[in-house]
Amino acid sequence: MDINKHKFLMLRILKDIFTDTRLAPLLAFKGGTSLMFFYGLPRFSTYLDFNLLDRTKEQAVFDKVAAILSKYGTVADSNMKFNGPIAVLDYGVGERKLKVEISNREYGNHYEMKNLSGIDMTLMQKPDMFAHKLCALLDRKGITGRDVYDCYFFLSNNTPINQDIVEYRMGKPLADYLQDCIEALRKYSDKAIMSDIGELLTEKDKDFVRTKMRTETISLLGFFKDYPLIAEYPDSKMHVEAAAVYEQGDGKFAVRATIDSREYPGKEMAGSDAQAFKELGKESEQEAFGKLMAKKYFIKEWNMNNGHRDSVKK
């Protein structure tokens, strides 16, 4: 694989996406490639990962992204999956295919504007990416070397984590989930880690991954469990005691909540969030989602009630 060619192509696609005035407001860049470009992740990352910011526009976004990809080769595969669309670009014989994934899941993520090579784009904030990467460690069908590597990258760089995301996705306290990760990695082998990440590393990194990374990651996870670095967002200070999402008479959905012992009356939710709520099957999932929505929709009122002037893009 020609790494420079692959990076060059990814940057061209990012430019096409984030200079499109209709498409740019609907997508946020995240994942390993964003870590590589913005934060110096040493391993090479081959995918482009995004979050969809408005689920009601999912098909339109997918069609537009597929059209952009087709400028650079053949869209060899494309699917509208439950968690969001996936498209795979084949841009030349002998080249590694370039996969684009767009997630439609809502986890109370935080975003910021960043500039890459003159391109302004919406980027998931680093503590949230750490949270999702830690969840992915045990949330896939099996542990992957790139997930272990990325978790080590976050931990070794003293990255704070969004505790709410981990606890919402995994359904347990952060400390308990960190212990699960430690126990799983103790059973994993160094050879297995190398099996799916070797070609993405420099020779120097290969030696470290082959001999030390797994045990170093276990050690850092233990430190993090005892002394966690928790990201401080304005909304992470909100204590949501109760929240409920309910259908209004006009078919739309609203959320109401009790936050820090204060009642917040119903506020209508965006169609994208209502759609996400309707797809949740379990009562426990709906309750947890309601608490995420309470933070999203009442952050301004809560700030005013508590004398905060902080703001964060969500």
Protein backbone atom coordinates (compact mmCIF):
# COMPACT_ATOMS: atom_id res chain seq x y z
CA MET A 1 0.00 0.00 0.00
CA ASP A 2 1.22 3.48 -0.89
CA ILE A 3 0.67 5.33 2.40
CA ASN A 4 1.23 8.80 0.97
CA LYS A 5 -1.28 8.16 -1.80
CA HIS A 6 -3.86 6.90 0.70
CA LYS A 7 -3.38 9.94 2.96
CA PHE A 8 -3.52 12.30 -0.03
CA LEU A 9 -6.80 10.75 -1.14
CA MET A 10 -8.31 10.92 2.36
CA LEU A 11 -7.47 14.62 2.57
CA ARG A 12 -9.11 15.27 -0.80
CA ILE A 13 -12.27 13.51 0.36
CA LEU A 14 -12.27 15.44 3.65
CA LYS A 15 -11.91 18.68 1.72
CA ASP A 16 -14.83 17.78 -0.54
CA ILE A 17 -17.02 16.95 2.45
CA PHE A 18 -16.21 19.92 4.67
CA THR A 19 -16.24 22.56 1.94
CA ASP A 20 -19.72 21.47 0.87
CA THR A 21 -22.01 23.96 2.62
CA ARG A 22 -24.92 21.51 2.77
CA LEU A 23 -22.92 18.47 3.83
CA ALA A 24 -20.43 19.97 6.30
CA PRO A 25 -23.00 20.86 9.02
CA LEU A 26 -24.27 17.28 9.03
CA LEU A 27 -21.03 15.37 9.73
CA ALA A 28 -18.37 15.30 12.45
CA PHE A 29 -14.97 13.69 11.90
CA LYS A 30 -13.79 11.13 14.48
CA GLY A 31 -11.82 7.90 14.86
CA GLY A 32 -8.29 6.73 14.19
CA THR A 33 -7.66 8.81 11.09
CA SER A 34 -8.71 11.99 12.87
CA LEU A 35 -6.30 11.07 15.69
CA MET A 36 -3.55 10.52 13.12
CA PHE A 37 -4.10 13.85 11.37
CA PHE A 38 -4.84 16.05 14.40
CA TYR A 39 -3.07 14.46 17.37
CA GLY A 40 -0.13 12.54 15.96
CA LEU A 41 -1.35 8.96 16.44
CA PRO A 42 1.78 7.03 15.35
CA ARG A 43 -0.01 4.17 13.61
CA PHE A 44 -1.37 4.57 10.11
CA SER A 45 -5.18 4.63 9.93
CA THR A 46 -6.95 3.69 6.72
CA TYR A 47 -10.65 4.52 7.32
CA LEU A 48 -12.65 7.73 7.45
CA ASP A 49 -15.14 7.73 10.34
CA PHE A 50 -17.88 10.29 10.92
CA ASN A 51 -20.85 10.92 13.16
CA LEU A 52 -24.11 11.92 11.54
CA LEU A 53 -25.44 15.05 13.25
CA ASP A 54 -28.98 14.87 11.87
CA ARG A 55 -30.49 11.41 11.41
CA THR A 56 -33.39 12.75 9.37
CA LYS A 57 -30.86 13.54 6.60
CA GLU A 58 -29.18 10.11 6.61
CA GLN A 59 -30.07 9.05 3.07
CA ALA A 60 -29.20 12.44 1.58
CA VAL A 61 -25.83 12.46 3.36
CA PHE A 62 -25.07 8.92 2.23
CA ASP A 63 -25.91 9.75 -1.41
CA LYS A 64 -23.73 12.85 -1.33
CA VAL A 65 -20.75 11.07 0.25
CA ALA A 66 -21.05 8.20 -2.25
CA ALA A 67 -21.04 10.74 -5.09
CA ILE A 68 -17.85 12.30 -3.70
CA LEU A 69 -16.16 8.91 -3.43
CA SER A 70 -17.10 8.03 -7.01
CA LYS A 71 -14.91 10.91 -8.22
CA TYR A 72 -11.83 8.99 -7.10
CA GLY A 73 -12.62 5.44 -8.17
CA THR A 74 -15.32 2.79 -7.88
CA VAL A 75 -17.67 2.50 -4.91
CA ALA A 76 -17.13 -1.24 -4.53
CA ASP A 77 -19.58 -1.69 -1.67
CA SER A 78 -22.22 0.42 0.05
CA ASN A 79 -24.80 -0.42 2.69
CA MET A 80 -27.38 1.42 4.78
CA LYS A 81 -26.85 -0.45 8.04
CA PHE A 82 -28.85 -0.03 11.26
CA ASN A 83 -26.08 1.98 12.95
CA GLY A 84 -25.36 4.04 9.86
CA PRO A 85 -24.17 3.81 6.26
CA ILE A 86 -20.88 2.33 5.07
CA ALA A 87 -19.22 2.82 1.68
CA VAL A 88 -15.99 1.31 0.37
CA LEU A 89 -13.88 3.02 -2.30
CA ASP A 90 -11.68 1.01 -4.67
CA TYR A 91 -9.27 3.56 -6.14
CA GLY A 92 -6.77 1.35 -7.95
CA VAL A 93 -5.42 -2.12 -8.58
CA GLY A 94 -3.16 -3.24 -5.75
CA GLU A 95 -4.21 -0.40 -3.45
CA ARG A 96 -5.87 -0.85 -0.08
CA LYS A 97 -9.56 0.00 -0.21
CA LEU A 98 -10.75 3.10 1.62
CA LYS A 99 -13.77 2.58 3.86
CA VAL A 100 -16.04 5.39 4.99
CA GLU A 101 -18.33 4.79 7.99
CA ILE A 102 -21.03 7.18 9.18
CA SER A 103 -22.51 6.42 12.60
CA ASN A 104 -26.04 7.56 13.40
CA ARG A 105 -25.86 6.75 17.14
CA GLU A 106 -26.36 9.48 19.74
CA TYR A 107 -24.23 9.30 22.88
CA GLY A 108 -24.15 12.91 24.07
CA ASN A 109 -20.93 13.64 22.16
CA HIS A 110 -19.08 16.94 22.22
CA TYR A 111 -17.54 18.60 19.16
CA GLU A 112 -15.22 21.45 18.28
CA MET A 113 -14.05 23.21 15.14
CA LYS A 114 -10.52 22.38 13.98
CA ASN A 115 -8.51 23.25 10.90
CA LEU A 116 -6.58 20.67 8.90
CA SER A 117 -4.50 21.81 5.92
CA GLY A 118 -6.70 24.88 5.52
CA ILE A 119 -9.96 22.92 5.89
CA ASP A 120 -12.30 23.83 8.75
CA MET A 121 -14.14 20.78 10.05
CA THR A 122 -16.22 19.60 12.97
CA LEU A 123 -14.20 17.19 15.10
CA MET A 124 -15.28 15.01 18.01
CA GLN A 125 -13.45 16.15 21.14
CA LYS A 126 -10.58 13.97 22.32
CA PRO A 127 -12.07 12.79 25.67
CA ASP A 128 -15.14 11.54 23.79
CA MET A 129 -13.00 9.69 21.25
CA PHE A 130 -11.12 8.06 24.13
CA ALA A 131 -14.42 6.97 25.67
CA HIS A 132 -15.66 5.40 22.43
CA LYS A 133 -12.33 3.70 21.78
CA LEU A 134 -12.32 2.21 25.28
CA CYS A 135 -15.87 0.93 24.72
CA ALA A 136 -14.85 -0.54 21.35
CA LEU A 137 -12.11 -2.54 23.08
CA LEU A 138 -14.70 -5.04 24.36
CA ASP A 139 -17.74 -4.03 22.31
CA ARG A 140 -16.68 -5.65 19.04
CA LYS A 141 -16.83 -9.36 18.21
CA GLY A 142 -13.25 -9.64 19.43
CA ILE A 143 -10.40 -7.47 20.66
CA THR A 144 -8.42 -5.83 17.85
CA GLY A 145 -4.82 -4.70 17.89
CA ARG A 146 -5.69 -1.20 16.71
CA ASP A 147 -8.13 -0.71 19.62
CA VAL A 148 -5.46 -1.77 22.14
CA TYR A 149 -2.91 0.49 20.44
CA ASP A 150 -5.26 3.47 20.43
CA CYS A 151 -6.21 2.97 24.09
CA TYR A 152 -2.50 2.87 24.95
CA PHE A 153 -2.06 6.11 22.96
CA PHE A 154 -4.78 7.89 24.95
CA LEU A 155 -3.58 6.55 28.30
CA SER A 156 0.11 7.29 27.71
CA ASN A 157 -0.80 10.87 26.75
CA ASN A 158 -2.76 11.43 30.00
CA THR A 159 -6.01 11.98 28.10
CA PRO A 160 -9.13 12.68 30.20
CA ILE A 161 -12.17 10.54 29.41
CA ASN A 162 -15.86 11.29 29.03
CA GLN A 163 -17.17 9.11 31.83
CA ASP A 164 -20.83 9.57 30.83
CA ILE A 165 -20.29 7.98 27.40
CA VAL A 166 -18.60 4.88 28.82
CA GLU A 167 -21.26 4.37 31.48
CA TYR A 168 -24.10 4.95 29.01
CA ARG A 169 -22.71 2.60 26.36
CA MET A 170 -21.50 -0.17 28.68
CA GLY A 171 -24.24 0.08 31.32
CA LYS A 172 -21.90 -0.01 34.31
CA PRO A 173 -19.61 2.29 36.34
CA LEU A 174 -16.37 3.34 34.65
CA ALA A 175 -14.22 1.58 37.28
CA ASP A 176 -16.03 -1.72 36.74
CA TYR A 177 -15.62 -1.51 32.97
CA LEU A 178 -11.92 -0.66 33.29
CA GLN A 179 -11.51 -3.82 35.37
CA ASP A 180 -13.26 -5.79 32.60
CA CYS A 181 -10.74 -4.40 30.11
CA ILE A 182 -7.82 -5.36 32.34
CA GLU A 183 -9.07 -8.92 32.74
CA ALA A 184 -9.73 -9.30 29.00
CA LEU A 185 -6.24 -8.09 28.07
CA ARG A 186 -4.63 -10.47 30.55
CA LYS A 187 -6.15 -13.32 28.54
CA TYR A 188 -5.14 -11.83 25.18
CA SER A 189 -1.83 -12.57 23.46
CA ASP A 190 0.81 -10.22 22.07
CA LYS A 191 0.80 -12.25 18.85
CA ALA A 192 -2.94 -11.68 18.37
CA ILE A 193 -2.47 -7.93 18.75
CA MET A 194 0.09 -7.90 15.94
CA SER A 195 -2.09 -9.91 13.59
CA ASP A 196 -4.31 -7.01 12.48
CA ILE A 197 -2.09 -4.00 13.08
CA GLY A 198 1.40 -4.98 11.94
CA GLU A 199 1.23 -3.38 8.50
CA LEU A 200 0.08 -0.08 10.03
CA LEU A 201 3.18 0.38 12.22
CA THR A 202 6.79 1.49 11.84
CA GLU A 203 9.48 -1.09 12.57
CA LYS A 204 10.26 0.63 15.89
CA ASP A 205 6.61 0.48 16.94
CA LYS A 206 6.36 -3.17 15.90
CA ASP A 207 9.02 -4.15 18.44
CA PHE A 208 7.15 -2.33 21.22
CA VAL A 209 3.77 -3.78 20.27
CA ARG A 210 5.21 -7.26 19.93
CA THR A 211 6.88 -7.28 23.35
CA LYS A 212 5.51 -4.61 25.72
CA MET A 213 2.34 -2.82 24.66
CA ARG A 214 -0.22 -5.23 26.08
CA THR A 215 1.35 -5.33 29.55
CA GLU A 216 1.95 -1.57 29.51
CA THR A 217 -1.70 -0.98 28.61
CA ILE A 218 -2.85 -3.26 31.46
CA SER A 219 -0.65 -1.29 33.87
CA LEU A 220 -1.96 2.09 32.68
CA LEU A 221 -5.57 0.88 32.85
CA GLY A 222 -4.95 -0.08 36.47
CA PHE A 223 -3.58 3.38 37.27
CA PHE A 224 -6.52 4.97 35.44
CA LYS A 225 -9.00 2.85 37.38
CA ASP A 226 -7.56 4.04 40.70
CA TYR A 227 -6.96 7.64 39.63
CA PRO A 228 -9.23 8.40 36.65
CA LEU A 229 -8.81 11.57 34.61
CA ILE A 230 -12.39 12.72 34.02
CA ALA A 231 -13.13 15.30 31.33
CA GLU A 232 -14.77 18.43 32.69
CA TYR A 233 -17.49 19.68 30.36
CA PRO A 234 -20.14 22.14 31.51
CA ASP A 235 -22.80 19.45 31.15
CA SER A 236 -20.78 16.86 33.09
CA LYS A 237 -21.50 18.90 36.22
CA MET A 238 -25.24 18.46 35.70
CA HIS A 239 -26.77 15.87 38.04
CA VAL A 240 -29.81 14.49 36.21
CA GLU A 241 -31.94 12.83 38.85
CA ALA A 242 -34.78 11.90 36.53
CA ALA A 243 -35.67 12.38 32.87
CA ALA A 244 -38.42 11.22 30.57
CA VAL A 245 -38.96 11.39 26.83
CA TYR A 246 -42.62 11.42 25.83
CA GLU A 247 -44.74 11.83 22.73
CA GLN A 248 -46.67 15.06 22.36
CA GLY A 249 -50.13 15.30 20.88
CA ASP A 250 -48.80 16.41 17.50
CA GLY A 251 -46.68 13.28 17.10
CA LYS A 252 -43.47 15.01 18.09
CA PHE A 253 -41.37 14.10 21.09
CA ALA A 254 -40.23 16.14 24.09
CA VAL A 255 -38.02 15.67 27.14
CA ARG A 256 -38.57 16.81 30.72
CA ALA A 257 -36.21 16.37 33.65
CA THR A 258 -35.25 16.97 37.24
CA ILE A 259 -31.69 18.31 37.39
CA ASP A 260 -29.97 19.26 40.64
CA SER A 261 -33.35 19.21 42.41
CA ARG A 262 -34.89 21.67 39.93
CA GLU A 263 -37.75 20.78 37.58
CA TYR A 264 -37.26 21.46 33.87
CA PRO A 265 -40.55 21.31 31.94
CA GLY A 266 -41.00 19.62 28.60
CA LYS A 267 -38.94 20.83 25.66
CA GLU A 268 -39.50 19.59 22.12
CA MET A 269 -36.71 17.44 20.70
CA ALA A 270 -35.31 17.60 17.20
CA GLY A 271 -36.60 15.02 14.75
CA SER A 272 -33.20 13.32 14.66
CA ASP A 273 -33.21 12.72 18.42
CA ALA A 274 -36.85 11.60 18.38
CA GLN A 275 -35.99 9.04 15.71
CA ALA A 276 -33.09 7.74 17.80
CA PHE A 277 -35.37 7.38 20.83
CA LYS A 278 -38.02 5.47 18.89
CA GLU A 279 -35.45 2.85 17.86
CA LEU A 280 -34.57 1.99 21.47
CA GLY A 281 -36.25 -1.22 22.60
CA LYS A 282 -35.45 -1.53 26.29
CA GLU A 283 -36.91 0.66 29.02
CA SER A 284 -33.45 1.00 30.60
CA GLU A 285 -32.05 2.27 27.29
CA GLN A 286 -34.86 4.80 26.98
CA GLU A 287 -34.26 6.03 30.52
CA ALA A 288 -30.52 6.45 29.96
CA PHE A 289 -31.15 8.18 26.62
CA GLY A 290 -33.58 10.56 28.35
CA LYS A 291 -30.81 11.64 30.71
CA LEU A 292 -28.51 12.34 27.76
CA MET A 293 -31.24 14.42 26.14
CA ALA A 294 -31.83 16.32 29.39
CA LYS A 295 -28.21 17.47 29.35
CA LYS A 296 -28.39 18.37 25.68
CA TYR A 297 -31.63 20.36 25.81
CA PHE A 298 -31.39 22.01 29.23
CA ILE A 299 -27.70 22.97 29.35
CA LYS A 300 -28.42 26.67 28.65
CA GLU A 301 -31.14 26.94 31.32
CA TRP A 302 -28.99 24.98 33.77
CA ASN A 303 -26.04 27.31 33.14
CA MET A 304 -28.21 30.35 33.81
CA ASN A 305 -29.69 28.81 36.96
CA ASN A 306 -26.23 27.97 38.28
CA GLY A 307 -24.38 31.09 37.18
CA HIS A 308 -22.25 29.38 34.51
CA ARG A 309 -21.40 31.07 31.23
CA ASP A 310 -19.58 28.13 29.68
CA SER A 311 -20.79 26.84 26.37
CA VAL A 312 -19.98 23.72 24.43
CA LYS A 313 -21.06 22.50 21.01
CA LYS A 314 -22.97 19.24 21.19
